[in-house]
Protein backbone atom coordinates (compact mmCIF):
# COMPACT_ATOMS: atom_id res chain seq x y z
CA UNK A 1 109.39 99.99 77.39
CA UNK A 2 105.82 100.33 75.99
CA UNK A 3 103.06 101.58 78.27
CA UNK A 4 100.82 99.05 80.02
CA UNK A 5 97.97 100.00 77.69
CA UNK A 6 100.16 99.53 74.61
CA UNK A 7 101.32 96.12 75.89
CA UNK A 8 97.72 95.06 76.45
CA UNK A 9 96.56 96.35 73.06
CA UNK A 10 99.39 94.53 71.26
CA UNK A 11 98.87 91.22 73.08
CA UNK A 12 97.68 88.13 71.24
CA UNK A 13 94.91 86.66 73.37
CA UNK A 14 93.79 83.05 73.45
CA UNK A 15 90.10 82.41 72.68
CA UNK A 16 88.35 82.26 76.03
CA UNK A 17 86.82 78.86 75.22
CA UNK A 18 90.35 77.45 74.91
CA UNK A 19 91.31 78.95 78.29
CA UNK A 20 88.15 77.46 79.80
CA UNK A 21 88.77 74.01 78.32
CA UNK A 22 92.39 73.95 79.52
CA UNK A 23 91.36 74.74 83.09
CA UNK A 24 88.79 71.93 83.08
CA UNK A 25 85.47 73.68 82.40
CA UNK A 26 82.84 71.97 80.29
CA UNK A 27 81.31 73.80 77.29
CA UNK A 28 77.91 73.98 78.97
CA UNK A 29 79.51 75.70 82.00
CA UNK A 30 80.87 78.60 79.94
CA UNK A 31 78.82 81.54 78.61
CA UNK A 32 81.05 83.62 76.27
CA UNK A 33 80.82 87.42 76.30
CA UNK A 34 82.60 87.88 72.98
CA UNK A 35 85.85 86.05 72.19
CA UNK A 36 87.89 86.88 75.30
CA UNK A 37 85.47 87.03 78.25
CA UNK A 38 83.00 84.54 79.68
CA UNK A 39 80.64 83.94 82.58
CA UNK A 40 81.02 80.60 84.37
CA UNK A 41 77.99 78.71 85.62
CA UNK A 42 78.10 77.86 89.32
CA UNK A 43 77.12 74.26 88.61
CA UNK A 44 80.85 73.56 88.23
CA UNK A 45 81.22 73.74 92.02
CA UNK A 46 78.71 70.93 92.49
CA UNK A 47 80.24 68.86 89.66
CA UNK A 48 83.69 69.04 91.24
CA UNK A 49 82.57 68.89 94.88
CA UNK A 50 84.61 65.75 95.59
CA UNK A 51 87.82 67.16 94.13
CA UNK A 52 90.37 68.32 96.78
CA UNK A 53 90.79 72.06 97.13
CA UNK A 54 93.84 73.84 95.75
CA UNK A 55 96.31 75.72 97.91
CA UNK A 56 94.87 79.16 98.68
CA UNK A 57 97.39 82.01 98.53
CA UNK A 58 96.35 85.47 99.69
CA UNK A 59 98.19 88.48 98.28
CA UNK A 60 98.27 91.60 100.44
CA UNK A 61 100.72 94.42 101.17
CA UNK A 62 102.31 96.72 103.67
CA UNK A 63 100.62 100.10 104.23
CA UNK A 64 100.58 101.67 100.76
CA UNK A 65 101.59 105.09 99.61
CA UNK A 66 98.85 107.14 97.91
CA UNK A 67 100.13 105.94 94.51
CA UNK A 68 99.85 102.23 95.33
CA UNK A 69 102.66 99.68 95.19
CA UNK A 70 101.72 97.19 92.46
CA UNK A 71 99.82 94.57 94.45
CA UNK A 72 97.66 93.55 91.49
CA UNK A 73 100.77 93.40 89.31
CA UNK A 74 102.31 91.09 91.92
CA UNK A 75 99.19 88.90 92.01
CA UNK A 76 99.22 88.54 88.23
CA UNK A 77 102.97 87.98 88.10
CA UNK A 78 102.83 85.31 90.81
CA UNK A 79 100.21 83.51 88.72
CA UNK A 80 102.40 83.82 85.64
CA UNK A 81 105.46 82.72 87.62
CA UNK A 82 103.65 79.62 88.84
CA UNK A 83 102.78 78.93 85.21
CA UNK A 84 106.44 79.18 84.20
CA UNK A 85 107.20 76.59 86.91
CA UNK A 86 104.69 74.21 85.32
CA UNK A 87 102.09 74.57 88.08
CA UNK A 88 98.34 75.02 87.53
CA UNK A 89 97.49 78.43 88.99
CA UNK A 90 94.14 80.22 88.97
CA UNK A 91 94.04 83.95 89.64
CA UNK A 92 91.13 85.67 91.42
CA UNK A 93 90.86 89.47 91.32
CA UNK A 94 88.26 92.16 91.92
CA UNK A 95 86.55 94.06 89.14
CA UNK A 96 87.49 97.68 88.48
CA UNK A 97 85.24 100.52 89.58
CA UNK A 98 84.90 103.45 87.19
CA UNK A 99 85.39 105.80 90.15
CA UNK A 100 89.08 104.97 90.70
CA UNK A 101 89.68 104.38 86.97
CA UNK A 102 88.78 108.01 86.28
CA UNK A 103 90.02 109.22 89.67
CA UNK A 104 93.47 108.68 91.22
CA UNK A 105 94.19 104.97 91.09
CA UNK A 106 93.63 104.25 87.41
CA UNK A 107 93.00 100.71 86.17
CA UNK A 108 92.90 97.45 88.09
CA UNK A 109 94.35 94.91 85.67
CA UNK A 110 98.01 94.91 86.73
CA UNK A 111 100.78 96.56 84.75
CA UNK A 112 103.62 96.10 82.29
CA UNK A 113 104.05 92.45 81.32
CA UNK A 114 102.05 91.26 84.33
CA UNK A 115 98.47 92.05 83.35
CA UNK A 116 95.05 90.53 82.99
CA UNK A 117 93.50 91.05 79.57
CA UNK A 118 91.47 92.38 77.76
CA UNK A 119 92.63 95.36 79.83
CA UNK A 120 90.31 98.00 78.39
CA UNK A 121 87.22 95.83 78.87
CA UNK A 122 88.25 95.00 82.44
CA UNK A 123 88.54 98.66 83.36
CA UNK A 124 85.54 99.97 81.40
CA UNK A 125 82.19 98.24 82.01
CA UNK A 126 83.53 94.64 81.57
CA UNK A 127 80.48 92.29 81.62
CA UNK A 128 78.21 94.85 83.28
CA UNK A 129 78.30 93.41 86.81
CA UNK A 130 78.81 96.76 88.55
CA UNK A 131 76.01 98.31 86.54
CA UNK A 132 73.70 95.45 87.55
CA UNK A 133 74.64 95.95 91.20
CA UNK A 134 73.98 99.68 90.87
CA UNK A 135 70.61 99.00 89.24
CA UNK A 136 69.55 96.49 91.91
CA UNK A 137 70.56 98.89 94.68
CA UNK A 138 68.62 101.77 93.17
CA UNK A 139 65.62 99.58 92.34
CA UNK A 140 65.29 98.93 96.07
CA UNK A 141 65.62 102.66 96.79
CA UNK A 142 62.89 103.46 94.26
CA UNK A 143 60.60 100.77 95.68
CA UNK A 144 61.09 102.11 99.21
CA UNK A 145 60.04 105.58 98.07
CA UNK A 146 57.09 104.15 96.13
CA UNK A 147 56.04 102.19 99.21
CA UNK A 148 56.04 105.37 101.29
CA UNK A 149 54.12 107.25 98.61
CA UNK A 150 51.43 104.60 98.16
CA UNK A 151 50.20 104.15 101.71
CA UNK A 152 53.22 102.78 103.63
CA UNK A 153 51.58 99.47 104.55
CA UNK A 154 54.45 98.32 106.79
CA UNK A 155 54.62 101.58 108.77
CA UNK A 156 58.17 102.48 107.66
CA UNK A 157 59.30 105.69 109.35
CA UNK A 158 60.46 108.01 106.51
CA UNK A 159 62.95 109.60 108.88
CA UNK A 160 64.44 106.19 109.72
CA UNK A 161 65.07 104.98 106.15
CA UNK A 162 68.72 103.90 106.11
CA UNK A 163 68.96 102.62 102.52
CA UNK A 164 70.99 104.89 100.23
CA UNK A 165 71.33 105.07 96.49
CA UNK A 166 74.65 104.35 94.78
CA UNK A 167 76.55 104.99 91.56
CA UNK A 168 79.86 103.73 90.17
CA UNK A 169 81.63 107.06 90.14
CA UNK A 170 83.44 109.41 92.52
CA UNK A 171 81.04 112.30 93.22
CA UNK A 172 81.35 114.18 96.51
CA UNK A 173 78.25 116.29 95.77
CA UNK A 174 76.07 113.20 96.18
CA UNK A 175 77.27 112.24 99.66
CA UNK A 176 74.34 114.06 101.24
CA UNK A 177 71.24 114.99 99.24
CA UNK A 178 67.57 115.82 99.69
CA UNK A 179 65.06 113.86 97.60
CA UNK A 180 61.35 114.26 97.00
CA UNK A 181 61.32 117.96 96.19
CA UNK A 182 58.62 119.44 93.95
CA UNK A 183 55.40 118.80 95.81
CA UNK A 184 53.30 115.88 97.00
CA UNK A 185 53.13 114.19 93.57
CA UNK A 186 56.93 113.79 93.57
CA UNK A 187 57.29 112.23 97.01
CA UNK A 188 58.03 113.51 100.50
CA UNK A 189 61.28 115.44 101.02
CA UNK A 190 63.89 113.65 103.13
CA UNK A 191 67.64 113.63 103.59
CA UNK A 192 69.58 110.72 102.13
CA UNK A 193 72.73 110.22 100.04
CA UNK A 194 74.73 108.12 97.62
CA UNK A 195 77.52 105.61 98.22
CA UNK A 196 79.92 104.51 95.51
CA UNK A 197 78.76 101.15 94.14
CA UNK A 198 81.87 99.40 95.48
CA UNK A 199 80.86 100.39 99.04
CA UNK A 200 77.22 99.32 98.70
CA UNK A 201 75.76 96.43 100.64
CA UNK A 202 74.65 94.84 97.36
CA UNK A 203 78.29 94.67 96.25
CA UNK A 204 79.29 92.91 99.46
CA UNK A 205 76.24 90.68 99.32
CA UNK A 206 76.99 89.46 95.77
CA UNK A 207 80.61 88.93 96.76
CA UNK A 208 79.73 86.45 99.53
CA UNK A 209 76.65 84.75 98.06
CA UNK A 210 77.26 81.01 97.56
CA UNK A 211 74.73 80.62 94.74
CA UNK A 212 71.58 82.18 93.28
CA UNK A 213 69.34 80.84 96.04
CA UNK A 214 71.64 82.22 98.72
CA UNK A 215 71.73 85.54 96.85
CA UNK A 216 67.93 85.73 96.86
CA UNK A 217 67.75 84.95 100.59
CA UNK A 218 70.37 87.56 101.45
CA UNK A 219 68.61 90.22 99.37
CA UNK A 220 65.41 89.61 101.30
CA UNK A 221 67.25 90.08 104.62
CA UNK A 222 68.53 93.58 103.81
CA UNK A 223 67.43 96.12 106.43
CA UNK A 224 66.15 99.30 104.75
CA UNK A 225 65.00 101.21 107.84
CA UNK A 226 62.75 101.04 110.89
CA UNK A 227 59.06 101.32 111.68
CA UNK A 228 57.72 104.09 113.89
CA UNK A 229 58.02 101.56 116.74
CA UNK A 230 61.71 100.94 116.01
CA UNK A 231 61.33 97.51 114.40
CA UNK A 232 63.55 96.71 111.37
CA UNK A 233 62.01 96.70 107.89
CA UNK A 234 63.51 94.39 105.25
CA UNK A 235 63.63 94.34 101.47
CA UNK A 236 61.32 91.32 101.54
CA UNK A 237 58.70 93.38 103.38
CA UNK A 238 58.97 96.03 100.65
CA UNK A 239 58.53 93.15 98.13
CA UNK A 240 61.68 94.19 96.26
CA UNK A 241 64.05 91.24 96.75
CA UNK A 242 62.66 89.04 93.97
CA UNK A 243 63.05 91.70 91.30
CA UNK A 244 66.52 92.53 92.60
CA UNK A 245 67.53 88.88 92.29
CA UNK A 246 66.40 88.86 88.66
CA UNK A 247 68.56 91.93 87.96
CA UNK A 248 71.55 90.14 89.56
CA UNK A 249 71.08 86.57 88.30
CA UNK A 250 73.94 86.87 85.79
CA UNK A 251 76.09 89.20 87.89
CA UNK A 252 76.49 86.48 90.54
CA UNK A 253 78.37 84.27 88.05
CA UNK A 254 82.16 84.79 88.04
CA UNK A 255 83.89 86.20 84.96
CA UNK A 256 86.71 84.28 83.26
CA UNK A 257 89.52 86.09 81.44
CA UNK A 258 93.28 85.44 81.17
CA UNK A 259 96.72 86.77 82.04
CA UNK A 260 99.09 87.96 79.32
CA UNK A 261 100.66 84.50 79.49
CA UNK A 262 97.37 82.66 79.15
CA UNK A 263 96.63 81.53 82.72
CA UNK A 264 92.95 81.60 83.78
CA UNK A 265 91.80 84.58 85.82
CA UNK A 266 88.45 85.02 87.53
CA UNK A 267 87.66 88.74 87.91
CA UNK A 268 84.49 89.21 89.91
CA UNK A 269 82.99 91.81 92.28
CA UNK A 270 84.86 94.93 93.30
CA UNK A 271 84.41 96.08 96.90
CA UNK A 272 87.00 98.55 98.20
CA UNK A 273 88.97 97.42 101.24
CA UNK A 274 88.86 100.74 103.10
CA UNK A 275 85.08 101.28 102.97
CA UNK A 276 83.92 97.71 102.22
CA UNK A 277 85.28 94.20 102.70
CA UNK A 278 87.75 94.44 99.83
CA UNK A 279 87.82 90.98 98.23
CA UNK A 280 86.69 89.29 95.04
CA UNK A 281 83.71 86.97 95.16
CA UNK A 282 83.53 83.86 97.26
CA UNK A 283 82.19 81.91 94.26
CA UNK A 284 85.26 82.87 92.20
CA UNK A 285 87.52 81.52 94.94
CA UNK A 286 85.42 78.36 95.28
CA UNK A 287 85.46 77.68 91.53
CA UNK A 288 89.20 78.34 91.39
CA UNK A 289 89.87 76.02 94.32
CA UNK A 290 88.29 73.15 92.38
CA UNK A 291 89.98 73.86 89.05
CA UNK A 292 93.58 74.74 89.92
CA UNK A 293 96.56 73.63 91.94
CA UNK A 294 97.10 77.09 93.45
CA UNK A 295 94.56 79.89 93.79
CA UNK A 296 96.08 83.36 94.00
CA UNK A 297 93.48 85.72 95.48
CA UNK A 298 94.21 89.39 96.12
CA UNK A 299 92.83 91.44 99.01
CA UNK A 300 92.57 95.21 98.80
CA UNK A 301 95.20 97.52 100.30
CA UNK A 302 97.23 96.21 103.24
CA UNK A 303 97.10 93.25 105.62
CA UNK A 304 95.19 95.30 108.20
CA UNK A 305 92.55 96.06 105.57
CA UNK A 306 91.56 93.55 102.87
CA UNK A 307 93.48 90.60 104.31
CA UNK A 308 91.90 90.94 107.75
CA UNK A 309 88.46 91.03 106.11
CA UNK A 310 89.29 88.13 103.81
CA UNK A 311 90.18 86.02 106.83
CA UNK A 312 87.58 87.19 109.35
CA UNK A 313 84.66 87.61 106.90
CA UNK A 314 85.13 85.75 103.59
CA UNK A 315 87.00 82.72 104.92
CA UNK A 316 84.58 82.45 107.83
CA UNK A 317 81.48 82.67 105.61
CA UNK A 318 82.90 80.39 102.92
CA UNK A 319 84.74 77.93 105.18
CA UNK A 320 88.02 78.62 103.35
CA UNK A 321 91.45 77.87 104.75
CA UNK A 322 94.42 79.84 103.36
CA UNK A 323 97.82 78.20 102.96
CA UNK A 324 100.17 81.20 102.86
CA UNK A 325 100.32 84.97 102.34
CA UNK A 326 102.34 87.10 99.92
CA UNK A 327 103.10 90.51 101.39
CA UNK A 328 104.02 93.13 98.79
CA UNK A 329 106.65 95.69 99.79
CA UNK A 330 108.57 98.30 97.83
CA UNK A 331 111.62 100.44 98.37
CA UNK A 332 109.62 103.64 97.89
CA UNK A 333 106.91 102.58 100.37
CA UNK A 334 109.51 101.98 103.08
CA UNK A 335 111.09 105.34 102.30
CA UNK A 336 107.65 106.93 102.53
CA UNK A 337 107.08 105.43 105.97
CA UNK A 338 110.62 106.32 106.97
CA UNK A 339 109.87 109.97 106.29
CA UNK A 340 111.43 110.77 102.89
CA UNK A 341 110.50 109.35 99.46
CA UNK A 342 113.92 110.51 98.19
CA UNK A 343 115.75 109.11 101.18
CA UNK A 344 118.50 106.53 101.48
CA UNK A 345 119.14 103.36 103.47
CA UNK A 346 118.37 105.15 106.74
CA UNK A 347 114.82 105.91 105.65
CA UNK A 348 114.35 102.35 104.38
CA UNK A 349 115.47 100.95 107.73
CA UNK A 350 113.21 103.35 109.61
CA UNK A 351 110.23 102.51 107.39
CA UNK A 352 110.87 98.79 107.85
CA UNK A 353 108.96 99.06 111.13
CA UNK A 354 105.80 99.11 108.99
CA UNK A 355 106.95 96.00 107.12
CA UNK A 356 107.68 94.24 110.40
CA UNK A 357 104.25 95.13 111.76
CA UNK A 358 102.53 93.62 108.71
CA UNK A 359 104.62 90.45 108.88
CA UNK A 360 103.50 90.23 112.49
CA UNK A 361 99.86 90.60 111.46
CA UNK A 362 100.18 87.70 109.01
CA UNK A 363 101.98 85.55 111.58
CA UNK A 364 99.31 86.45 114.12
CA UNK A 365 96.79 84.58 111.97
CA UNK A 366 99.04 81.50 112.10
CA UNK A 367 100.32 81.81 108.51
CA UNK A 368 103.67 82.19 106.77
CA UNK A 369 104.45 85.52 105.07
CA UNK A 370 106.45 85.58 101.83
CA UNK A 371 107.54 89.14 101.04
CA UNK A 372 107.53 90.07 97.37
CA UNK A 373 109.72 93.13 96.77
CA UNK A 374 108.15 94.76 93.73
CA UNK A 375 110.96 96.38 91.72
CA UNK A 376 110.61 99.92 90.37
CA UNK A 377 113.05 101.52 87.86
CA UNK A 378 114.36 103.95 90.49
CA UNK A 379 115.39 101.16 92.90
CA UNK A 380 119.07 100.30 93.23
CA UNK A 381 120.26 96.69 93.72
CA UNK A 382 121.54 97.64 97.17
CA UNK A 383 118.15 99.04 98.20
CA UNK A 384 116.30 95.96 96.97
CA UNK A 385 118.62 93.63 98.86
CA UNK A 386 118.27 95.75 101.98
CA UNK A 387 114.48 95.36 101.89
CA UNK A 388 114.89 91.57 101.43
CA UNK A 389 117.18 91.37 104.44
CA UNK A 390 114.96 93.51 106.62
CA UNK A 391 111.98 91.33 105.72
CA UNK A 392 113.62 88.08 106.73
CA UNK A 393 114.99 89.64 109.90
CA UNK A 394 111.42 90.68 110.76
CA UNK A 395 110.19 87.10 110.52
CA UNK A 396 109.21 86.60 106.89
CA UNK A 397 109.37 83.00 105.66
CA UNK A 398 111.19 84.26 102.56
CA UNK A 399 111.68 87.46 100.60
CA UNK A 400 112.20 87.65 96.84
CA UNK A 401 112.60 90.46 94.31
CA UNK A 402 109.87 90.61 91.66
CA UNK A 403 110.78 92.02 88.22
CA UNK A 404 107.67 90.80 86.40
CA UNK A 405 106.55 94.31 85.37
CA UNK A 406 109.44 94.21 82.88
CA UNK A 407 110.04 90.47 82.58
CA UNK A 408 106.61 88.84 82.88
CA UNK A 409 106.29 85.49 84.63
CA UNK A 410 110.03 84.79 84.30
CA UNK A 411 110.64 87.70 86.65
CA UNK A 412 108.46 86.14 89.36
CA UNK A 413 109.72 82.54 89.42
CA UNK A 414 111.80 83.03 92.58
CA UNK A 415 108.75 84.47 94.33
CA UNK A 416 106.61 81.60 93.03
CA UNK A 417 109.08 78.99 94.28
CA UNK A 418 109.09 80.59 97.73
CA UNK A 419 105.28 80.60 97.79
CA UNK A 420 105.11 76.92 96.82
CA UNK A 421 107.47 76.09 99.69
CA UNK A 422 105.59 78.26 102.20
CA UNK A 423 102.26 76.72 101.24
CA UNK A 424 103.60 73.29 102.15
CA UNK A 425 104.43 74.39 105.68
CA UNK A 426 101.91 73.48 108.39
CA UNK A 427 99.90 76.42 109.67
CA UNK A 428 97.63 77.24 112.59
CA UNK A 429 95.23 79.61 110.84
CA UNK A 430 92.58 81.10 113.11
CA UNK A 431 90.39 84.19 113.23
CA UNK A 432 91.09 87.41 115.13
CA UNK A 433 87.86 87.07 117.13
CA UNK A 434 84.97 84.70 117.75
CA UNK A 435 81.44 85.48 116.62
CA UNK A 436 80.05 85.15 120.15
CA UNK A 437 82.20 88.04 121.40
CA UNK A 438 80.26 91.30 122.02
CA UNK A 439 80.30 93.78 119.13
CA UNK A 440 82.55 96.27 120.92
CA UNK A 441 84.93 93.44 121.87
CA UNK A 442 85.22 92.31 118.23
CA UNK A 443 86.14 95.85 117.24
CA UNK A 444 88.64 96.06 120.10
CA UNK A 445 90.30 92.78 119.11
CA UNK A 446 90.71 93.92 115.50
CA UNK A 447 92.12 97.26 116.63
CA UNK A 448 94.56 95.82 119.17
CA UNK A 449 95.58 92.50 117.58
CA UNK A 450 95.72 93.73 113.96
CA UNK A 451 96.25 97.50 114.00
CA UNK A 452 98.39 97.64 117.14
CA UNK A 453 96.10 100.13 118.89
CA UNK A 454 95.86 100.59 122.64
CA UNK A 455 92.08 100.32 122.45
CA UNK A 456 88.91 101.67 120.85
CA UNK A 457 86.45 104.46 121.54
CA UNK A 458 82.90 104.11 120.28
CA UNK A 459 81.26 107.52 119.92
CA UNK A 460 77.69 107.81 121.28
CA UNK A 461 75.82 106.78 118.08
CA UNK A 462 78.00 103.67 117.69
CA UNK A 463 77.94 102.80 121.39
CA UNK A 464 74.15 103.14 121.51
CA UNK A 465 73.66 100.77 118.56
CA UNK A 466 76.15 98.24 119.91
CA UNK A 467 74.26 98.16 123.21
CA UNK A 468 70.86 97.87 121.50
CA UNK A 469 71.99 95.01 119.28
CA UNK A 470 73.48 92.85 122.05
CA UNK A 471 71.33 89.78 122.50
CA UNK A 472 70.02 89.97 118.91
CA UNK A 473 71.17 88.13 115.79
CA UNK A 474 73.20 91.22 114.86
CA UNK A 475 75.49 90.59 117.80
CA UNK A 476 76.81 87.39 116.17
CA UNK A 477 77.81 89.00 112.88
CA UNK A 478 81.43 89.68 111.94
CA UNK A 479 82.63 93.28 111.75
CA UNK A 480 83.76 95.10 108.61
CA UNK A 481 85.98 98.02 109.57
CA UNK A 482 85.77 101.11 107.35
CA UNK A 483 88.99 103.06 107.94
CA UNK A 484 91.78 104.78 106.09
CA UNK A 485 94.16 102.55 104.12
CA UNK A 486 97.02 105.03 104.49
CA UNK A 487 97.77 104.15 108.11
CA UNK A 488 97.56 101.21 110.47
CA UNK A 489 95.46 103.55 112.59
CA UNK A 490 92.25 105.40 111.71
CA UNK A 491 94.28 108.60 111.17
CA UNK A 492 95.89 108.83 107.68
CA UNK A 493 98.58 111.15 109.03
CA UNK A 494 100.06 108.42 111.27
CA UNK A 495 102.57 106.67 109.01
CA UNK A 496 104.92 103.74 109.59
CA UNK A 497 104.09 101.69 112.71
CA UNK A 498 102.23 104.01 115.08
CA UNK A 499 101.74 103.17 118.74
CA UNK A 500 99.78 104.66 121.60
CA UNK A 501 96.66 105.40 119.55
CA UNK A 502 92.98 104.69 120.13
CA UNK A 503 90.73 103.81 117.20
CA UNK A 504 87.61 105.97 117.09
CA UNK A 505 84.39 104.44 115.70
CA UNK A 506 81.76 107.06 114.93
CA UNK A 507 78.89 104.85 113.74
CA UNK A 508 77.77 101.29 113.00
CA UNK A 509 75.75 100.15 109.98
CA UNK A 510 73.98 96.77 109.95
CA UNK A 511 74.46 94.99 106.62
CA UNK A 512 71.98 92.24 107.41
CA UNK A 513 71.88 90.94 103.84
CA UNK A 514 75.63 90.76 103.33
CA UNK A 515 75.97 89.44 106.87
CA UNK A 516 78.20 91.85 108.79
CA UNK A 517 78.28 95.12 110.71
CA UNK A 518 80.19 98.04 109.18
CA UNK A 519 82.14 100.10 111.72
CA UNK A 520 82.83 103.60 110.39
CA UNK A 521 86.16 104.84 111.78
CA UNK A 522 87.43 108.40 111.88
CA UNK A 523 86.31 110.48 108.91
CA UNK A 524 85.87 107.65 106.39
CA UNK A 525 83.45 108.49 103.57
CA UNK A 526 81.52 105.90 101.56
CA UNK A 527 81.46 108.17 98.50
CA UNK A 528 84.87 109.42 97.29
CA UNK A 529 85.40 112.62 95.32
CA UNK A 530 87.52 113.41 92.28
CA UNK A 531 90.81 115.21 92.83
CA UNK A 532 92.04 118.39 91.12
CA UNK A 533 93.74 116.43 88.32
CA UNK A 534 91.87 113.10 88.00
CA UNK A 535 93.04 110.33 85.69
CA UNK A 536 90.05 111.17 83.48
CA UNK A 537 91.98 114.21 82.18
CA UNK A 538 94.39 111.91 80.32
CA UNK A 539 91.88 109.38 78.96
CA UNK A 540 90.69 109.91 75.39
CA UNK A 541 90.09 108.37 71.97
CA UNK A 542 92.73 108.88 69.24
CA UNK A 543 92.11 109.43 65.54
CA UNK A 544 91.96 105.68 64.87
CA UNK A 545 89.38 105.06 67.60
CA UNK A 546 91.85 103.53 70.09
CA UNK A 547 91.74 104.33 73.81
CA UNK A 548 94.70 106.36 75.09
CA UNK A 549 95.71 107.42 78.58
CA UNK A 550 94.24 104.43 80.43
CA UNK A 551 96.63 102.85 82.93
């Protein structure tokens, strides 16, 4: 079988204007970026406001192994499978960050014969959205430092500046830095740091903005630090929000591309689900809901991560109501959680406790879970059937084997049929917590109802902030948990379905522009680092100018 990159490079793509026309977009609503990519104007939402929404299908997974389990491949293949069935699907995915592309994870366009194309563009710069987000973030940082240098009219305490710079790359050496060295003419020295662009507040803010006006308002509400008296200072007070909005005015528009089988795919925004809210843009979902019959939207990592944030943050902000959930599971992931990647049926059955926990999380939100068993070449038919049986015994609505990596949409038709049926079932969708609950109570409810923890412990910095914010507008914001994706707990070493643990929250960050509070759990970092053998080692240009090694 050819590599995923070779399949993508050999594919015959439809002109993007044809894809746009087939999905119901008008020519004036489409801004082509070459032949196979386009920006979509948000006016389409207003034009189709009276059209009923499509069925909204969220794709998530059980707790992944470090290598990942093919959740994007499943999202693409479900879209292609729905197309084979004659349905009108629209796919919504996040954009790739260069950090993971050159780090451990690799690309973010799916794999095999279940991909979004043009694959190289998607993984390398695309339409420039992440660069615009980086530029807007760092414009604000530069304007804060200039404000301090030129008189500090608002009385911003230099030691209380909370705004950090960002870049779209894994670089551990930038986690903590000192700026302003070199004498008075170059600024005042202070400690700060960098986050990866995907973890920045600007990324989250763009991902939940409803339109350009809402984007501008949210930018102005960003808290950059405090005055000497302890009062918050905003980006509007620094007079930076207007310029930032101009930098982002095109980045807020969703990007239209296509699957290998020609279905429309909106790929927009790229927050990670372990250190950010982990979902594509709200506007992409809203456009898709008006254009298609089914919207397949993927959340990062597992149901305790991206799915929880999609429900409790994105759906709450955007007034969205999901119809069903696809939960991706694999033989090797269950073996991993059972204690031995090379194990047999015993390890699969032991690791199924993790699968059961995630089915319970989905059901806890009042939704049906369809388990998609993503097939790998090393899986035996007996192992695949065992995972299917264990899934249904644990309460899944249905469980189907997905062979789309090798077979394209035809390999996902059984999964697609099960999803269509599940989406027709009545549901009782509700959030894990109410906004009027105290901050610590929101965190406790996520930890106990979703993770299965016994409780939470807020360390002194987090507890102090939670107490200070009670009674303010911050107290009514949702919570975005930043924790490891490798465990249901905050400890990556606790595999499978741990019990008897307490989630430790070391700090809270107010994202007043995006509209939530980030709770930093355990040792989570907002700037990753490259490993000893990053994916970048294998990526190169061959003698004919073609990219090689990208996956």
